Structures are given as structure tokens and as C-alpha cells.
Amino acid sequence: MKNITVGYALCGSFCTIKNSLEQLKKLSELDINIIPIMSEIVYSTDTRFGKAQDHKTLVEEICKNKIIHDIPSAEPIGPKNLLDIIVVSPCTGNTASKIALGITDTAVTMAVKAHLRNNKPVVLGLASNDALGASAKNIGLLHNTKNIYFIPYRQDDPFGKNNSLICDFSQTKETIEKALEGKQIEPVVLS
């Protein structure tokens, strides 16, 4: 994974952003260029899991690049062929569904759409309370979509939140490596 450029996008599964940022730090220790991307919600919303400004400051310190956080800034990713791979982690059911249906109304969905035009891999790290509900059919579509790869995932609380899925964030680097080879890390669904 030397000398590559990774787009790293964060969506609004606020309770899992800390887990994702731990993986972002590990990736930053490699010899790669990381372009951070945030959904407009993550970029501007304070929650009980942290203040938006604190997340922005930390991400820019880790990546040593400014955050792409709006559609006009994300659109050139494709035409300029800026990335070798893009990771969306956490990826909400909402964002996964939009990607599956080609809806490009956020910085993250525009970044993915723009990147896919270059036939390069997209890695999704699901973290959604609705993944096995209304979003399930769209996640299923993504499993059959060229250049889409998943960080292995499981139900995080089958009895308390029966529609919820969460990826194993610790497998982010390995999933990226396999996706760059055109392969899905296995197993994708963990027990």
C-alpha cells in the first residue's frame, strides 16, 4: 500500500466515529496520502459523542490534508482521478442506500460517485441501526456492485437492536489491501 492516495470518508454513525478514527490513525502511519471527506452532518454537528470542531481538527491533523465537506469540492475527485481507493467508514444505512441507488446529495455520496467513474475500489464500513431494515435491500445491491467491497460486519446487538449491523473496524487495513487487489476480504459476514 505504499505511495497510494486514499479517500477516507466519515458519515453520521456518531457512536462509531471514535472506532473509525482509530483506524484512520493507523493508516496515517503508512506511506500513503489520505484525503479526508466528511458528510455535511458530521462536519457540522455536535453530539454527545464529540464536537464537530474537535473531529475536524483531529482528522486534519491525522491526514495532513483539508477535509472535503461539500458537493462542489467532492466532484473533482473523479475527473482529476485523485484517489486510488475510497473508504466510507462509518457508512450509515442511509449513505449505503444512496450509493446503491446513485443518489449524490452529500459530499460523501458525490465522492463515491465521482471515484467510481474511474473503475477503482470503494470500501464500505457499515455502522447502521437500520442495515437489516429498510436499508437491507440496498446493501444487498451493493454486494453485487462492481468495485464495492465491505469491511466484514456482524449484528452488534441481535436482541436489543435486531436491524443493526456494525463492521469490524480492526479489519479496515486488510480490507483495503484486498480491495486494491480486486478481492473481498472473507468472511464478509461475521458470526
Protein backbone atom coordinates (compact mmCIF):
# COMPACT_ATOMS: atom_id res chain seq x y z
CA MET A 1 0.00 0.00 0.00
CA LYS A 2 2.90 2.36 -0.47
CA ASN A 3 2.53 5.60 -2.38
CA ILE A 4 -1.23 5.45 -2.79
CA THR A 5 -3.88 8.06 -2.15
CA VAL A 6 -6.82 7.00 -0.01
CA GLY A 7 -10.04 8.95 0.35
CA TYR A 8 -11.36 8.41 3.88
CA ALA A 9 -14.97 9.42 4.40
CA LEU A 10 -16.92 9.66 7.65
CA CYS A 11 -20.72 9.52 7.87
CA GLY A 12 -23.10 10.15 10.74
CA SER A 13 -22.94 6.99 12.81
CA PHE A 14 -21.65 9.22 15.58
CA CYS A 15 -21.29 6.47 18.19
CA THR A 16 -18.73 4.69 15.95
CA ILE A 17 -16.66 7.63 14.75
CA LYS A 18 -14.09 7.03 17.51
CA ASN A 19 -13.56 3.46 16.23
CA SER A 20 -13.13 4.72 12.69
CA LEU A 21 -10.67 7.43 13.75
CA GLU A 22 -8.51 4.79 15.45
CA GLN A 23 -8.17 3.06 12.07
CA LEU A 24 -7.52 6.35 10.33
CA LYS A 25 -4.59 6.94 12.72
CA LYS A 26 -3.17 3.51 11.89
CA LEU A 27 -3.46 4.18 8.16
CA SER A 28 -1.70 7.52 8.60
CA GLU A 29 1.37 5.66 9.88
CA LEU A 30 1.80 4.05 6.46
CA ASP A 31 3.42 5.71 3.47
CA ILE A 32 0.11 6.84 1.96
CA ASN A 33 -1.63 10.13 1.26
CA ILE A 34 -5.04 10.38 2.93
CA ILE A 35 -7.70 12.81 1.69
CA PRO A 36 -10.38 13.20 4.40
CA ILE A 37 -14.03 13.53 3.45
CA MET A 38 -16.94 14.20 5.79
CA SER A 39 -20.66 14.27 5.29
CA GLU A 40 -22.08 17.68 5.93
CA ILE A 41 -23.76 16.32 9.07
CA VAL A 42 -20.52 15.03 10.61
CA TYR A 43 -18.71 18.21 9.59
CA SER A 44 -21.18 20.47 11.39
CA THR A 45 -22.96 18.56 14.17
CA ASP A 46 -22.04 18.39 17.85
CA THR A 47 -23.28 15.25 19.62
CA ARG A 48 -22.80 13.51 22.94
CA PHE A 49 -20.02 11.59 21.16
CA GLY A 50 -18.00 14.73 20.43
CA LYS A 51 -17.93 18.20 19.00
CA ALA A 52 -17.72 18.67 15.24
CA GLN A 53 -14.79 21.06 15.53
CA ASP A 54 -12.82 18.56 17.61
CA HIS A 55 -13.41 15.84 15.00
CA LYS A 56 -12.41 18.19 12.17
CA THR A 57 -9.23 19.30 13.92
CA LEU A 58 -8.20 15.72 14.72
CA VAL A 59 -8.92 14.43 11.21
CA GLU A 60 -6.93 17.23 9.55
CA GLU A 61 -4.02 16.65 11.96
CA ILE A 62 -4.02 12.93 11.21
CA CYS A 63 -4.34 13.30 7.43
CA LYS A 64 -2.35 16.50 6.97
CA ASN A 65 -4.95 17.49 4.38
CA LYS A 66 -8.04 19.66 4.45
CA ILE A 67 -11.41 17.95 4.70
CA ILE A 68 -13.67 17.74 1.67
CA HIS A 69 -17.10 18.51 3.09
CA ASP A 70 -19.35 19.74 0.29
CA ILE A 71 -20.51 18.53 -3.10
CA PRO A 72 -18.57 21.03 -5.25
CA SER A 73 -15.30 20.04 -3.53
CA ALA A 74 -16.02 16.30 -3.90
CA GLU A 75 -17.00 16.36 -7.60
CA PRO A 76 -13.42 16.79 -8.98
CA ILE A 77 -12.32 13.51 -7.36
CA GLY A 78 -13.41 11.64 -10.49
CA PRO A 79 -12.32 13.91 -13.33
CA LYS A 80 -8.95 14.57 -11.67
CA ASN A 81 -8.53 10.87 -10.80
CA LEU A 82 -7.40 11.89 -7.30
CA LEU A 83 -7.76 8.61 -5.40
CA ASP A 84 -6.63 5.00 -5.66
CA ILE A 85 -9.36 3.85 -3.26
CA ILE A 86 -12.05 5.42 -1.10
CA VAL A 87 -13.15 4.15 2.31
CA VAL A 88 -16.51 5.17 3.79
CA SER A 89 -16.32 4.32 7.48
CA PRO A 90 -18.60 4.57 9.27
CA CYS A 91 -21.08 4.11 6.44
CA THR A 92 -24.67 4.56 7.54
CA GLY A 93 -27.58 2.64 6.03
CA ASN A 94 -28.72 5.95 4.59
CA THR A 95 -25.42 6.51 2.78
CA ALA A 96 -25.18 2.87 1.64
CA SER A 97 -28.70 3.12 0.19
CA LYS A 98 -27.87 6.36 -1.60
CA ILE A 99 -24.73 4.82 -3.10
CA ALA A 100 -26.72 1.77 -4.23
CA LEU A 101 -29.34 3.97 -5.89
CA GLY A 102 -26.95 6.53 -7.38
CA ILE A 103 -28.15 9.42 -5.21
CA THR A 104 -25.46 12.08 -4.92
CA ASP A 105 -26.73 14.67 -2.48
CA THR A 106 -23.87 14.75 0.06
CA ALA A 107 -20.12 15.24 -0.10
CA VAL A 108 -19.61 11.53 0.64
CA THR A 109 -22.02 10.20 -1.99
CA MET A 110 -20.60 12.61 -4.58
CA ALA A 111 -17.06 11.49 -3.70
CA VAL A 112 -18.02 7.83 -4.16
CA LYS A 113 -19.87 8.50 -7.43
CA ALA A 114 -17.00 10.59 -8.78
CA HIS A 115 -14.45 7.95 -7.75
CA LEU A 116 -16.38 5.01 -9.22
CA ARG A 117 -16.24 6.56 -12.69
CA ASN A 118 -12.55 5.59 -12.67
CA ASN A 119 -13.29 1.89 -12.02
CA LYS A 120 -11.48 1.93 -8.71
CA PRO A 121 -12.44 0.31 -5.40
CA VAL A 122 -14.77 1.64 -2.72
CA VAL A 123 -14.66 0.12 0.78
CA LEU A 124 -17.72 0.43 2.99
CA GLY A 125 -17.57 0.04 6.77
CA LEU A 126 -21.21 -0.39 7.74
CA ALA A 127 -22.47 1.04 11.03
CA SER A 128 -26.23 1.36 10.99
CA ASN A 129 -29.20 0.67 13.23
CA ASP A 130 -31.28 0.19 10.05
CA ALA A 131 -28.99 -2.04 7.97
CA LEU A 132 -31.30 -5.07 8.20
CA GLY A 133 -34.44 -2.96 7.93
CA ALA A 134 -35.28 -0.61 5.07
CA SER A 135 -31.60 -0.44 4.01
CA ALA A 136 -31.11 -4.21 3.65
CA LYS A 137 -32.18 -4.48 0.02
CA ASN A 138 -29.83 -1.65 -0.96
CA ILE A 139 -26.91 -3.21 0.93
CA GLY A 140 -27.72 -6.39 -0.97
CA LEU A 141 -27.49 -4.47 -4.24
CA LEU A 142 -24.07 -3.16 -3.20
CA HIS A 143 -22.83 -6.70 -2.60
CA ASN A 144 -23.44 -7.27 -6.31
CA THR A 145 -21.94 -3.99 -7.50
CA LYS A 146 -18.58 -3.85 -9.23
CA ASN A 147 -15.79 -2.17 -7.22
CA ILE A 148 -17.72 -2.18 -3.92
CA TYR A 149 -16.09 -4.01 -1.00
CA PHE A 150 -17.14 -4.37 2.63
CA ILE A 151 -15.22 -4.35 5.86
CA PRO A 152 -16.50 -7.56 7.49
CA TYR A 153 -19.59 -6.91 9.59
CA ARG A 154 -21.99 -8.51 12.07
CA GLN A 155 -25.06 -7.75 14.11
CA ASP A 156 -23.87 -5.77 17.10
CA ASP A 157 -26.89 -6.49 19.31
CA PRO A 158 -29.21 -9.07 17.71
CA PHE A 159 -31.79 -8.95 20.50
CA GLY A 160 -31.69 -5.29 21.52
CA LYS A 161 -31.27 -3.80 18.01
CA ASN A 162 -32.27 -6.56 15.61
CA ASN A 163 -31.80 -4.44 12.44
CA SER A 164 -28.37 -3.12 13.42
CA LEU A 165 -25.06 -4.02 11.75
CA ILE A 166 -21.55 -2.86 12.56
CA CYS A 167 -18.30 -3.55 10.77
CA ASP A 168 -15.20 -4.89 12.45
CA PHE A 169 -13.21 -1.66 12.24
CA SER A 170 -9.99 -3.52 13.10
CA GLN A 171 -10.11 -5.15 9.64
CA THR A 172 -10.02 -1.84 7.76
CA LYS A 173 -6.40 -2.07 6.57
CA GLU A 174 -6.77 -5.70 5.46
CA THR A 175 -9.98 -4.90 3.60
CA ILE A 176 -8.27 -2.03 1.77
CA GLU A 177 -5.35 -4.26 0.79
CA LYS A 178 -7.68 -6.93 -0.62
CA ALA A 179 -9.89 -4.37 -2.39
CA LEU A 180 -6.83 -2.94 -4.12
CA GLU A 181 -6.29 -6.48 -5.48
CA GLY A 182 -9.94 -6.65 -6.59
CA LYS A 183 -10.85 -9.12 -3.82
CA GLN A 184 -13.37 -9.08 -0.97
CA ILE A 185 -11.91 -10.00 2.42
CA GLU A 186 -13.61 -13.11 3.76
CA PRO A 187 -15.78 -13.80 5.53
CA VAL A 188 -17.71 -10.63 4.93
CA VAL A 189 -20.44 -11.54 7.43
CA LEU A 190 -19.07 -12.50 10.83
CA SER A 191 -20.78 -14.61 13.46
